[in-house]
């Protein structure tokens, strides 16, 4: 009897990829890193960093911070633009409920406190039709 190795996939069928000595969660994210390297070489941006951590702490009605309600979010890339501003770039294949909640916090709490930052999402168009399969009710 011969052992058969079953190939395993992640929940959203993304494949971890290594680029330039760093591991990325998907081929799409690694591709975005390559694009940022090309933009850096062309002189379009000053620089970029990966896995930028944002901590968001809401305030209560008295204006006091509530650290027990803190939400953290790791954004795929932070790009340092030529004009000195920053762009937070998110490479998404599948939008999850948790991600939507964290983006809402980012837009409502963190971005207004950091006017030199902008937020941008790049969606993977090649992943269309894959990922989650929702069951349809039969009539």
Protein backbone atom coordinates (compact mmCIF):
# COMPACT_ATOMS: atom_id res chain seq x y z
CA UNK A 1 0.00 0.00 0.00
CA UNK A 2 1.36 3.38 -1.00
CA UNK A 3 0.91 6.52 1.09
CA UNK A 4 -0.69 9.39 -0.77
CA UNK A 5 0.11 12.90 0.32
CA UNK A 6 -2.94 15.12 0.22
CA UNK A 7 -2.24 18.73 -0.71
CA UNK A 8 -3.70 21.09 1.85
CA UNK A 9 -5.03 24.56 1.20
CA UNK A 10 -5.79 27.48 3.43
CA UNK A 11 -9.36 28.55 4.05
CA UNK A 12 -9.34 31.04 1.18
CA UNK A 13 -7.09 29.00 -1.14
CA UNK A 14 -4.20 31.45 -0.88
CA UNK A 15 -0.68 30.10 -1.27
CA UNK A 16 2.08 31.42 0.99
CA UNK A 17 4.82 32.87 -1.19
CA UNK A 18 8.37 34.01 -0.53
CA UNK A 19 9.70 37.09 -2.28
CA UNK A 20 13.01 38.85 -1.62
CA UNK A 21 13.62 36.86 1.58
CA UNK A 22 10.20 37.60 3.14
CA UNK A 23 7.19 35.31 3.40
CA UNK A 24 3.85 36.70 2.29
CA UNK A 25 0.36 35.32 2.95
CA UNK A 26 -0.48 35.04 -0.75
CA UNK A 27 0.94 35.25 -4.26
CA UNK A 28 -1.08 38.42 -4.75
CA UNK A 29 0.48 40.09 -1.71
CA UNK A 30 3.98 39.08 -2.84
CA UNK A 31 3.14 40.52 -6.27
CA UNK A 32 2.21 43.82 -4.64
CA UNK A 33 5.60 43.82 -2.88
CA UNK A 34 7.28 43.34 -6.28
CA UNK A 35 5.28 46.25 -7.71
CA UNK A 36 6.35 48.45 -4.78
CA UNK A 37 9.99 47.50 -5.41
CA UNK A 38 9.59 48.53 -9.05
CA UNK A 39 8.02 51.84 -8.03
CA UNK A 40 10.91 52.42 -5.61
CA UNK A 41 13.50 51.75 -8.34
CA UNK A 42 11.66 54.10 -10.70
CA UNK A 43 11.73 56.86 -8.06
CA UNK A 44 7.93 57.05 -7.72
CA UNK A 45 8.04 56.51 -3.93
CA UNK A 46 10.56 57.13 -1.14
CA UNK A 47 10.16 53.70 0.45
CA UNK A 48 7.80 51.13 1.86
CA UNK A 49 7.49 48.75 4.79
CA UNK A 50 5.51 45.56 5.28
CA UNK A 51 3.11 44.50 8.05
CA UNK A 52 2.50 47.98 9.49
CA UNK A 53 0.73 47.61 12.84
CA UNK A 54 -2.05 50.04 13.75
CA UNK A 55 -3.52 50.20 17.26
CA UNK A 56 -6.89 51.88 17.67
CA UNK A 57 -8.18 52.92 21.09
CA UNK A 58 -11.65 54.46 21.32
CA UNK A 59 -12.64 57.21 23.76
CA UNK A 60 -15.65 57.17 26.06
CA UNK A 61 -18.21 59.99 26.31
CA UNK A 62 -15.97 61.83 28.81
CA UNK A 63 -13.03 61.95 26.40
CA UNK A 64 -11.02 59.30 28.26
CA UNK A 65 -9.32 56.45 26.37
CA UNK A 66 -10.68 52.92 26.85
CA UNK A 67 -7.61 50.65 26.39
CA UNK A 68 -9.61 47.48 27.11
CA UNK A 69 -11.48 48.06 23.82
CA UNK A 70 -8.26 48.38 21.80
CA UNK A 71 -8.29 46.91 18.30
CA UNK A 72 -5.10 46.15 16.36
CA UNK A 73 -4.81 45.70 12.63
CA UNK A 74 -1.78 44.74 10.56
CA UNK A 75 -1.87 46.47 7.23
CA UNK A 76 0.06 44.77 4.43
CA UNK A 77 2.15 47.77 3.34
CA UNK A 78 2.86 51.35 4.36
CA UNK A 79 4.18 53.41 1.44
CA UNK A 80 6.20 56.58 2.02
CA UNK A 81 5.19 58.93 -0.79
CA UNK A 82 7.46 61.58 -2.33
CA UNK A 83 5.48 64.44 -0.78
CA UNK A 84 6.06 63.07 2.74
CA UNK A 85 2.61 61.53 3.18
CA UNK A 86 1.90 57.82 3.67
CA UNK A 87 -0.43 55.38 1.97
CA UNK A 88 -1.62 52.28 3.79
CA UNK A 89 -2.02 49.59 1.13
CA UNK A 90 -4.08 46.47 1.74
CA UNK A 91 -3.88 43.57 -0.74
CA UNK A 92 -7.16 41.64 -0.44
CA UNK A 93 -8.27 38.44 -2.06
CA UNK A 94 -11.35 37.83 0.08
CA UNK A 95 -13.14 40.32 2.29
CA UNK A 96 -14.01 38.87 5.68
CA UNK A 97 -16.37 40.21 8.32
CA UNK A 98 -13.47 40.68 10.72
CA UNK A 99 -11.51 42.68 8.14
CA UNK A 100 -14.54 44.91 7.44
CA UNK A 101 -14.91 45.60 11.17
CA UNK A 102 -11.23 46.52 11.53
CA UNK A 103 -11.37 48.81 8.47
CA UNK A 104 -14.39 50.57 9.98
CA UNK A 105 -12.37 51.21 13.15
CA UNK A 106 -9.43 52.39 11.04
CA UNK A 107 -11.57 54.85 9.08
CA UNK A 108 -13.51 56.12 12.11
CA UNK A 109 -10.76 56.29 14.76
CA UNK A 110 -7.20 56.05 13.45
CA UNK A 111 -7.24 57.91 10.11
CA UNK A 112 -8.81 61.14 11.47
CA UNK A 113 -5.98 61.29 14.05
CA UNK A 114 -3.35 60.75 11.31
CA UNK A 115 -4.20 63.13 8.43
CA UNK A 116 -0.87 62.38 6.70
CA UNK A 117 -2.05 58.80 6.03
CA UNK A 118 -4.43 57.57 3.32
CA UNK A 119 -5.92 54.07 3.03
CA UNK A 120 -6.14 52.07 -0.19
CA UNK A 121 -7.35 48.53 -0.92
CA UNK A 122 -6.17 46.58 -3.96
CA UNK A 123 -8.40 43.60 -4.76
CA UNK A 124 -7.29 40.41 -6.46
CA UNK A 125 -9.44 40.12 -9.59
CA UNK A 126 -7.99 36.71 -10.53
CA UNK A 127 -9.56 35.14 -7.44
CA UNK A 128 -13.09 35.70 -8.77
CA UNK A 129 -15.31 32.68 -8.32
CA UNK A 130 -13.02 30.97 -5.82
CA UNK A 131 -12.87 31.17 -2.06
CA UNK A 132 -16.04 30.92 -0.06
CA UNK A 133 -18.96 29.07 -1.53
CA UNK A 134 -22.28 30.20 -0.16
CA UNK A 135 -25.06 27.66 -0.08
CA UNK A 136 -28.19 28.59 -1.89
CA UNK A 137 -31.55 27.47 -0.60
CA UNK A 138 -33.39 25.14 -2.93
CA UNK A 139 -36.94 26.24 -3.62
